[in-house]
Amino acid sequence: MSSQWAVVVSGGALTAYGAFSRRLSTTVVSGPLVFVLVGLAIGPLGLDLLSRAKDPEVTQALLEAALVLLLFTDAAAIRAWDLRREGFLPMRLLVVGLPGTIVLGWLLAWPLLPGLGVWELALVGIVLSPTDAALGQQAISDKRVPALVRGGLGIESGLNDGMALPFFVLALAAAGEGQGHPGVAETFLRALLLSGVIGLTVGRFGAYALRWSMARDWSGPDWRPILTLAVPAVTYGLCVAGDGSGFIGAWAAGLAFGSGLRRAPSGREPHGGIPDPGQNTSFTEHLGLLLASLSFLVFGAVILGPALQHLTWRTVLYAVASLTVVRMLPVALALIGTRLKPASLAYIGWFGPRGLASLVFGLLAFEEQLPGTTLLSDAIAVTVGLSVLLHGASAPFLGKRYGEWFARTLRSEPHLRENMLAADKSPDARAPGA
């Protein structure tokens, strides 16, 4: 009976937030914060309507489905032109900042999380390296913030979860090696190579099928989003059937699908144009938003609630360090020589919120029954919980303050590095993690 009431409360929370979402979007009350608080209220700390022990399969299926759609739509939204247009910022954040965050998170976990092995410590650093733009959406969507910074943060969020996946699956394989789990070599072949090939093949075929049907005007606009949704679903199923990684496959499929739709037209296209992936992935994105919202609710109930019951100063200190020095120091090092002002470095460094990807990676690690998984899960849960609170609450205020600083500084320094995209008349880069 409790699960039915959990469904009722979840539906009520979705309805209430949907009714006030536009008004709340400019306040400290973010969507993830609302759903996490509702989750805490119906979890073991509150009404005990939902728990990991009662509904383990539902929890895992929901979180994994949400991440698959997020990986696919984020990758499909990335354009090579975006990377060229944004110049140095996203490439430095991904190529230098992401590995730096992983390594520093690994090293800091060593003294703060005793009892974990070397590969479990590595997993903590890897799991908490991807960022989630949805938790600080106001920081990216605020038009007062320079387009360079908004676009760079959006592209970073859209790509870093997929780029962290190979590190995650290999570290997970190394941690479980000798305990009945596949070894690193087999994991590399199946999870990386096989899944990548499957994803690229299905993604490219899906894009070709959509372009082919649109060129002949054979597909209706109502069914095109359904075809798009089938691409990550088929990819995930094939990868899992081959004992690979459905997440790596979904990310690769998104890259292939997006680039396949944007290539130069080879036949008769409706209205003579190239299909826009954003128009065809809108249904998938909205479904992903729904699942992500429910995922934060489930996170509050079945993951964060139990973690708060046996909170320690070590996990809190690591969570604070993960959101500050572990993120901000690698970002500062990655942007040396770019001539960005200290205010911009601080803004970019702070807005690296941890969200859905960290939750799913942490859940997958927990399900492997590795030594110390409870401590690992608690550290991840507390970090994401703090991120939901701090990044969501600070985004409107800091976005406004940083935008005002930029406007003032630009008046005295018209050639400000942060303003390098002002002369570009093309639309701003879309924030893939939104």
Protein backbone atom coordinates (compact mmCIF):
# COMPACT_ATOMS: atom_id res chain seq x y z
CA MET A 1 0.00 0.00 0.00
CA SER A 2 2.90 2.37 0.79
CA SER A 3 4.17 2.21 -2.82
CA GLN A 4 0.79 3.42 -4.11
CA TRP A 5 0.94 6.40 -1.77
CA ALA A 6 4.49 7.09 -2.94
CA VAL A 7 3.17 7.28 -6.51
CA VAL A 8 0.43 9.69 -5.40
CA VAL A 9 2.91 11.96 -3.61
CA SER A 10 5.29 11.87 -6.58
CA GLY A 11 2.51 12.83 -8.97
CA GLY A 12 1.43 15.63 -6.67
CA ALA A 13 4.99 16.96 -6.46
CA LEU A 14 5.32 16.94 -10.25
CA THR A 15 1.99 18.73 -10.65
CA ALA A 16 2.79 21.36 -8.03
CA TYR A 17 6.25 22.14 -9.36
CA GLY A 18 5.00 22.17 -12.95
CA ALA A 19 2.34 24.73 -12.01
CA PHE A 20 4.91 27.09 -10.46
CA SER A 21 8.03 26.14 -12.42
CA ARG A 22 8.40 29.43 -14.28
CA ARG A 23 8.07 31.52 -11.13
CA LEU A 24 10.44 29.26 -9.19
CA SER A 25 13.07 29.16 -11.94
CA THR A 26 14.46 32.55 -10.89
CA THR A 27 14.49 31.78 -7.17
CA VAL A 28 16.67 29.67 -4.87
CA VAL A 29 14.01 26.92 -5.00
CA SER A 30 15.23 24.73 -7.84
CA GLY A 31 13.41 21.71 -9.24
CA PRO A 32 16.00 19.17 -8.02
CA LEU A 33 15.84 20.68 -4.52
CA VAL A 34 12.04 20.37 -4.41
CA PHE A 35 12.11 16.73 -5.49
CA VAL A 36 14.96 15.78 -3.14
CA LEU A 37 13.04 17.30 -0.20
CA VAL A 38 9.88 15.44 -1.20
CA GLY A 39 11.94 12.26 -1.44
CA LEU A 40 13.34 12.79 2.06
CA ALA A 41 9.77 13.29 3.32
CA ILE A 42 8.52 9.97 1.92
CA GLY A 43 11.70 8.01 2.65
CA PRO A 44 12.91 6.26 5.82
CA LEU A 45 13.54 9.61 7.52
CA GLY A 46 9.92 10.60 7.01
CA LEU A 47 6.80 8.62 6.10
CA ASP A 48 8.79 5.54 5.01
CA LEU A 49 6.71 5.07 1.86
CA LEU A 50 9.73 4.36 -0.32
CA SER A 51 13.05 2.67 0.41
CA ARG A 52 15.82 0.81 -1.38
CA ALA A 53 14.90 -2.42 0.42
CA LYS A 54 11.27 -2.23 -0.75
CA ASP A 55 11.77 -1.19 -4.37
CA PRO A 56 15.37 -1.89 -5.50
CA GLU A 57 14.47 -2.75 -9.10
CA VAL A 58 12.29 0.34 -9.55
CA THR A 59 15.05 2.59 -8.21
CA GLN A 60 17.72 1.18 -10.49
CA ALA A 61 15.51 1.09 -13.60
CA LEU A 62 14.39 4.70 -13.13
CA LEU A 63 17.89 6.09 -12.57
CA GLU A 64 19.41 4.12 -15.44
CA ALA A 65 16.65 5.11 -17.88
CA ALA A 66 17.05 8.77 -16.96
CA LEU A 67 20.82 8.64 -17.48
CA VAL A 68 20.52 6.83 -20.84
CA LEU A 69 18.24 9.58 -22.17
CA LEU A 70 20.44 12.31 -20.70
CA LEU A 71 23.61 10.87 -22.26
CA PHE A 72 21.93 10.45 -25.64
CA THR A 73 20.28 13.88 -25.86
CA ASP A 74 23.32 15.74 -24.51
CA ALA A 75 25.63 14.05 -27.02
CA ALA A 76 23.18 14.58 -29.89
CA ALA A 77 23.03 18.30 -29.09
CA ILE A 78 26.79 18.80 -29.36
CA ARG A 79 27.96 20.30 -32.64
CA ALA A 80 31.54 20.44 -33.85
CA TRP A 81 30.80 24.06 -34.68
CA ASP A 82 30.04 24.69 -31.00
CA LEU A 83 33.47 23.45 -29.98
CA ARG A 84 35.15 25.65 -32.59
CA ARG A 85 33.00 28.64 -31.69
CA GLU A 86 33.56 28.40 -27.95
CA GLY A 87 37.27 28.09 -28.62
CA PHE A 88 39.51 27.23 -25.72
CA LEU A 89 37.05 27.00 -22.82
CA PRO A 90 35.20 23.66 -23.20
CA MET A 91 38.25 21.86 -24.57
CA ARG A 92 40.41 22.95 -21.64
CA LEU A 93 37.71 22.04 -19.14
CA LEU A 94 37.31 18.58 -20.68
CA VAL A 95 40.90 17.70 -21.59
CA VAL A 96 42.66 19.20 -18.55
CA GLY A 97 39.98 19.98 -15.96
CA LEU A 98 38.14 16.64 -16.02
CA PRO A 99 41.21 14.40 -15.54
CA GLY A 100 42.52 16.83 -12.92
CA THR A 101 39.26 16.60 -11.00
CA ILE A 102 39.38 12.80 -11.10
CA VAL A 103 42.98 12.63 -9.85
CA LEU A 104 42.53 15.24 -7.11
CA GLY A 105 39.28 13.62 -5.95
CA TRP A 106 41.09 10.27 -5.81
CA LEU A 107 43.98 11.69 -3.76
CA LEU A 108 41.77 13.57 -1.28
CA ALA A 109 39.61 10.50 -0.73
CA TRP A 110 42.69 8.62 0.52
CA PRO A 111 42.95 10.36 3.94
CA LEU A 112 39.27 11.28 4.31
CA LEU A 113 37.63 7.95 3.45
CA PRO A 114 39.72 5.25 5.19
CA GLY A 115 38.76 1.65 4.62
CA LEU A 116 38.43 1.91 0.84
CA GLY A 117 40.88 0.18 -1.47
CA VAL A 118 42.87 2.01 -4.11
CA TRP A 119 40.32 1.32 -6.87
CA GLU A 120 37.33 2.15 -4.65
CA LEU A 121 39.04 5.48 -3.90
CA ALA A 122 39.52 5.99 -7.63
CA LEU A 123 35.82 5.28 -8.16
CA VAL A 124 34.90 8.08 -5.74
CA GLY A 125 36.96 10.57 -7.74
CA ILE A 126 35.57 9.36 -11.07
CA VAL A 127 31.93 9.17 -9.98
CA LEU A 128 32.02 12.74 -8.67
CA SER A 129 33.78 14.24 -11.70
CA PRO A 130 30.85 14.75 -14.18
CA THR A 131 28.84 17.94 -13.86
CA ASP A 132 25.09 18.43 -14.24
CA ALA A 133 23.98 21.78 -15.66
CA ALA A 134 20.39 21.18 -14.50
CA LEU A 135 21.40 21.82 -10.88
CA GLY A 136 22.68 25.30 -11.70
CA GLN A 137 20.58 26.06 -14.75
CA GLN A 138 20.15 29.73 -13.84
CA ALA A 139 23.93 30.15 -13.95
CA ILE A 140 23.96 29.08 -17.62
CA SER A 141 20.65 30.48 -18.84
CA ASP A 142 21.17 34.01 -17.42
CA LYS A 143 21.78 36.19 -20.50
CA ARG A 144 23.81 38.66 -18.42
CA VAL A 145 26.52 36.02 -18.13
CA PRO A 146 28.98 36.16 -21.09
CA ALA A 147 28.08 33.82 -23.94
CA LEU A 148 31.58 32.34 -23.80
CA VAL A 149 31.07 31.21 -20.19
CA ARG A 150 27.49 30.02 -20.70
CA GLY A 151 28.33 28.03 -23.78
CA GLY A 152 31.52 26.60 -22.32
CA LEU A 153 29.79 25.36 -19.16
CA GLY A 154 26.93 23.91 -21.19
CA ILE A 155 29.19 21.99 -23.57
CA GLU A 156 31.32 20.73 -20.69
CA SER A 157 28.24 19.40 -18.92
CA GLY A 158 27.00 17.77 -22.11
CA LEU A 159 30.21 15.86 -22.76
CA ASN A 160 31.98 15.18 -19.47
CA ASP A 161 29.59 12.48 -18.23
CA GLY A 162 30.20 10.46 -21.38
CA MET A 163 33.95 11.10 -21.22
CA ALA A 164 34.05 9.91 -17.59
CA LEU A 165 32.32 6.64 -18.46
CA PRO A 166 35.40 4.76 -19.76
CA PHE A 167 37.32 5.66 -16.61
CA PHE A 168 34.39 4.48 -14.51
CA VAL A 169 33.88 1.09 -16.15
CA LEU A 170 37.60 0.31 -16.12
CA ALA A 171 38.03 1.33 -12.46
CA LEU A 172 34.94 -0.69 -11.55
CA ALA A 173 36.36 -3.71 -13.36
CA ALA A 174 39.72 -3.29 -11.61
CA ALA A 175 38.02 -3.00 -8.20
CA GLY A 176 36.01 -6.18 -8.78
CA GLU A 177 38.72 -8.22 -10.47
CA GLY A 178 39.31 -11.50 -8.63
CA GLN A 179 35.84 -11.41 -7.06
CA GLY A 180 33.95 -13.10 -9.87
CA HIS A 181 33.67 -9.91 -11.97
CA PRO A 182 35.01 -9.55 -15.53
CA GLY A 183 38.60 -8.38 -15.73
CA VAL A 184 39.88 -5.08 -17.10
CA ALA A 185 40.82 -6.53 -20.50
CA GLU A 186 37.39 -8.08 -21.10
CA THR A 187 35.68 -4.93 -19.84
CA PHE A 188 37.74 -2.82 -22.22
CA LEU A 189 36.74 -4.97 -25.18
CA ARG A 190 33.07 -5.27 -24.31
CA ALA A 191 32.21 -2.02 -22.55
CA LEU A 192 34.36 0.34 -24.57
CA LEU A 193 35.03 -1.10 -28.01
CA LEU A 194 31.92 -3.24 -28.57
CA SER A 195 29.52 -0.77 -26.96
CA GLY A 196 31.09 2.14 -28.81
CA VAL A 197 30.76 0.39 -32.15
CA ILE A 198 27.15 -0.59 -31.44
CA GLY A 199 26.28 2.97 -30.39
CA LEU A 200 27.90 4.60 -33.42
CA THR A 201 26.27 2.09 -35.78
CA VAL A 202 22.75 2.37 -34.35
CA GLY A 203 23.01 6.15 -34.03
CA ARG A 204 24.17 6.62 -37.60
CA PHE A 205 21.53 4.18 -38.93
CA GLY A 206 18.81 5.98 -36.94
CA ALA A 207 19.88 9.34 -38.37
CA TYR A 208 19.94 7.88 -41.89
CA ALA A 209 16.48 6.35 -41.46
CA LEU A 210 15.07 9.65 -40.22
CA ARG A 211 16.68 11.69 -42.99
CA TRP A 212 15.59 9.16 -45.63
CA SER A 213 11.96 9.21 -44.50
CA MET A 214 11.90 12.99 -44.16
CA ALA A 215 13.44 13.48 -47.60
CA ARG A 216 10.52 11.55 -49.11
CA ASP A 217 8.01 13.08 -46.71
CA TRP A 218 7.04 9.56 -45.62
CA SER A 219 7.25 10.11 -41.86
CA GLY A 220 4.78 12.18 -39.90
CA PRO A 221 6.05 14.82 -37.45
CA ASP A 222 4.31 13.00 -34.59
CA TRP A 223 6.31 9.81 -35.18
CA ARG A 224 9.75 11.30 -35.76
CA PRO A 225 10.37 11.83 -32.01
CA ILE A 226 9.33 8.20 -31.42
CA LEU A 227 11.94 7.04 -33.94
CA THR A 228 14.50 9.16 -32.10
CA LEU A 229 13.57 7.63 -28.74
CA ALA A 230 14.01 4.15 -30.20
CA VAL A 231 17.69 4.84 -30.97
CA PRO A 232 18.96 4.95 -27.34
CA ALA A 233 16.53 2.18 -26.34
CA VAL A 234 17.77 -0.20 -29.03
CA THR A 235 21.38 0.75 -28.38
CA TYR A 236 21.09 0.12 -24.66
CA GLY A 237 19.42 -3.26 -25.20
CA LEU A 238 22.02 -4.45 -27.69
CA CYS A 239 24.93 -3.35 -25.49
CA VAL A 240 23.50 -5.05 -22.39
CA ALA A 241 22.81 -8.22 -24.41
CA GLY A 242 26.48 -8.24 -25.40
CA ASP A 243 27.59 -7.73 -21.77
CA GLY A 244 28.78 -4.24 -22.66
CA SER A 245 27.92 -0.80 -21.30
CA GLY A 246 24.54 0.54 -22.36
CA PHE A 247 25.58 4.00 -21.15
CA ILE A 248 28.67 4.20 -23.35
CA GLY A 249 26.55 2.90 -26.23
CA ALA A 250 23.86 5.55 -25.65
CA TRP A 251 26.44 8.35 -25.53
CA ALA A 252 28.12 7.15 -28.73
CA ALA A 253 24.72 6.77 -30.40
CA GLY A 254 23.88 10.37 -29.49
CA LEU A 255 27.08 11.66 -31.06
CA ALA A 256 26.48 9.65 -34.26
CA PHE A 257 22.77 10.53 -34.42
CA GLY A 258 23.33 14.25 -34.01
CA SER A 259 26.18 14.46 -36.49
CA GLY A 260 24.29 12.21 -38.93
CA LEU A 261 21.31 14.56 -38.98
CA ARG A 262 23.47 17.64 -39.43
CA ARG A 263 25.61 16.44 -42.35
CA ALA A 264 25.16 18.07 -45.74
CA PRO A 265 21.90 16.96 -47.38
CA SER A 266 22.26 14.33 -50.07
CA GLY A 267 18.72 14.19 -51.29
CA ARG A 268 15.45 16.05 -51.32
CA GLU A 269 14.81 17.49 -47.84
CA PRO A 270 11.54 19.12 -46.71
CA HIS A 271 11.86 22.85 -47.28
CA GLY A 272 15.41 22.30 -48.54
CA GLY A 273 16.92 22.27 -45.08
CA ILE A 274 18.91 19.96 -42.83
CA PRO A 275 16.94 18.22 -40.06
CA ASP A 276 17.48 19.84 -36.66
CA PRO A 277 18.30 17.23 -33.98
CA GLY A 278 16.73 19.50 -31.37
CA GLN A 279 13.32 19.27 -33.05
CA ASN A 280 13.45 15.49 -33.23
CA THR A 281 14.88 14.91 -29.76
CA SER A 282 12.44 17.23 -27.97
CA PHE A 283 10.18 14.36 -26.87
CA THR A 284 13.20 12.39 -25.64
CA GLU A 285 14.46 15.46 -23.76
CA HIS A 286 11.09 16.05 -22.10
CA LEU A 287 10.85 12.40 -21.11
CA GLY A 288 14.39 12.61 -19.79
CA LEU A 289 13.45 15.70 -17.74
CA LEU A 290 10.51 13.82 -16.23
CA LEU A 291 12.64 10.80 -15.35
CA ALA A 292 15.43 13.01 -13.99
CA SER A 293 12.96 14.82 -11.72
CA LEU A 294 11.64 11.52 -10.42
CA SER A 295 15.22 10.33 -10.02
CA PHE A 296 16.00 13.18 -7.64
CA LEU A 297 12.88 12.30 -5.67
CA VAL A 298 13.97 8.67 -5.45
CA PHE A 299 17.50 9.80 -4.59
CA GLY A 300 16.20 11.75 -1.61
CA ALA A 301 14.14 8.82 -0.38
CA VAL A 302 16.31 5.74 -0.91
CA ILE A 303 19.89 7.04 -1.12
CA LEU A 304 20.32 10.39 0.65
CA GLY A 305 17.95 9.61 3.53
CA PRO A 306 19.81 6.46 4.67
CA ALA A 307 23.17 8.23 4.18
CA LEU A 308 22.10 11.02 6.54
CA GLN A 309 21.24 8.48 9.21
CA HIS A 310 24.90 7.57 9.67
CA LEU A 311 26.57 10.83 8.67
CA THR A 312 30.22 11.34 9.66
CA TRP A 313 32.47 14.37 9.63
CA ARG A 314 34.72 12.66 7.09
CA THR A 315 32.00 12.27 4.47
CA VAL A 316 30.84 15.87 5.01
CA LEU A 317 34.39 17.20 4.72
CA TYR A 318 35.00 15.19 1.57
CA ALA A 319 31.71 16.43 0.06
CA VAL A 320 32.66 20.06 0.75
CA ALA A 321 36.15 19.51 -0.68
CA SER A 322 34.72 17.80 -3.76
CA LEU A 323 32.48 20.78 -4.54
CA THR A 324 35.22 23.35 -3.95
CA VAL A 325 38.94 22.57 -4.19
CA VAL A 326 38.54 19.31 -6.18
CA ARG A 327 36.61 21.16 -8.87
CA MET A 328 38.01 24.68 -8.67
CA LEU A 329 41.74 23.98 -8.55
CA PRO A 330 41.80 21.84 -11.75
CA VAL A 331 39.64 24.45 -13.50
CA ALA A 332 42.05 27.23 -12.49
CA LEU A 333 45.01 25.17 -13.73
CA ALA A 334 43.20 24.31 -16.98
CA LEU A 335 42.56 28.00 -17.73
CA ILE A 336 46.07 29.30 -17.09
CA GLY A 337 47.10 31.64 -19.89
CA THR A 338 43.58 32.29 -21.17
CA ARG A 339 43.49 35.86 -19.81
CA LEU A 340 40.16 35.27 -18.12
CA LYS A 341 39.59 37.42 -15.04
CA PRO A 342 39.65 35.90 -11.52
CA ALA A 343 35.88 36.48 -11.25
CA SER A 344 35.32 34.31 -14.32
CA LEU A 345 37.66 31.60 -13.04
CA ALA A 346 35.77 31.51 -9.76
CA TYR A 347 32.38 31.42 -11.50
CA ILE A 348 33.36 28.61 -13.87
CA GLY A 349 35.02 26.69 -11.06
CA TRP A 350 32.08 26.95 -8.70
CA PHE A 351 29.42 25.90 -11.18
CA GLY A 352 30.41 22.29 -11.50
CA PRO A 353 27.35 20.73 -9.79
CA ARG A 354 27.14 16.97 -9.33
CA GLY A 355 23.89 15.30 -10.29
CA LEU A 356 22.28 12.43 -12.16
CA ALA A 357 25.41 10.85 -13.66
CA SER A 358 27.06 10.67 -10.23
CA LEU A 359 23.94 9.09 -8.76
CA VAL A 360 23.76 6.32 -11.37
CA PHE A 361 27.50 5.64 -11.33
CA GLY A 362 27.37 5.40 -7.55
CA LEU A 363 24.38 3.05 -7.67
CA LEU A 364 26.12 0.78 -10.18
CA ALA A 365 29.21 0.65 -7.97
CA PHE A 366 27.02 -0.16 -4.95
CA GLU A 367 25.33 -3.01 -6.81
CA GLU A 368 28.72 -4.65 -7.45
CA GLN A 369 28.99 -5.43 -3.71
CA LEU A 370 32.57 -4.20 -3.51
CA PRO A 371 34.33 -3.78 -0.15
CA GLY A 372 33.43 -0.44 1.41
CA THR A 373 30.52 0.29 -0.94
CA THR A 374 28.42 1.72 1.89
CA LEU A 375 31.05 4.36 2.63
CA LEU A 376 31.47 5.04 -1.09
CA SER A 377 27.71 5.39 -1.54
CA ASP A 378 27.41 7.71 1.47
CA ALA A 379 30.17 10.02 0.23
CA ILE A 380 28.55 10.29 -3.19
CA ALA A 381 25.07 10.83 -1.73
CA VAL A 382 26.17 13.60 0.62
CA THR A 383 28.15 15.34 -2.14
CA VAL A 384 25.22 15.31 -4.57
CA GLY A 385 22.82 16.38 -1.81
CA LEU A 386 25.03 19.37 -0.92
CA SER A 387 25.36 20.21 -4.60
CA VAL A 388 21.58 20.24 -5.08
CA LEU A 389 21.27 22.66 -2.16
CA LEU A 390 24.27 24.94 -2.71
CA HIS A 391 24.43 25.18 -6.49
CA GLY A 392 20.68 25.52 -6.90
CA ALA A 393 20.45 28.21 -4.22
CA SER A 394 23.48 30.19 -5.42
CA ALA A 395 22.79 30.13 -9.18
CA PRO A 396 20.30 33.06 -9.36
CA PHE A 397 22.30 35.28 -7.00
CA LEU A 398 25.75 34.59 -8.44
CA GLY A 399 24.47 34.73 -12.02
CA LYS A 400 23.16 38.23 -11.37
CA ARG A 401 26.28 39.40 -9.54
CA TYR A 402 28.64 37.97 -12.15
CA GLY A 403 26.57 39.45 -14.99
CA GLU A 404 26.68 42.89 -13.32
CA TRP A 405 30.45 42.58 -12.87
CA PHE A 406 30.84 41.67 -16.53
CA ALA A 407 28.79 44.68 -17.68
CA ARG A 408 30.80 47.08 -15.49
CA THR A 409 34.16 45.67 -16.53
CA LEU A 410 33.25 45.64 -20.20
CA ARG A 411 32.67 49.39 -20.15
CA SER A 412 36.28 50.01 -19.11
CA GLU A 413 37.80 47.06 -21.00
CA PRO A 414 35.99 46.67 -24.36
CA HIS A 415 38.42 43.94 -25.47
CA LEU A 416 37.70 41.78 -22.45
CA ARG A 417 38.52 38.13 -23.14
CA GLU A 418 35.13 37.02 -21.78
CA ASN A 419 33.47 39.07 -24.54
CA MET A 420 35.21 37.28 -27.42
CA LEU A 421 31.90 35.88 -28.78
CA ALA A 422 30.01 39.18 -28.75
CA ALA A 423 30.65 39.81 -32.45
CA ASP A 424 29.40 36.35 -33.38
CA LYS A 425 25.89 36.76 -34.77
CA SER A 426 25.12 33.05 -34.56
CA PRO A 427 22.78 31.91 -31.80
CA ASP A 428 24.36 31.02 -28.47
CA ALA A 429 25.49 27.47 -27.97
CA ARG A 430 22.75 25.42 -26.52
CA ALA A 431 23.31 24.13 -22.96
CA PRO A 432 23.19 20.37 -23.43
CA GLY A 433 22.85 19.50 -19.77
CA ALA A 434 19.64 21.48 -19.39
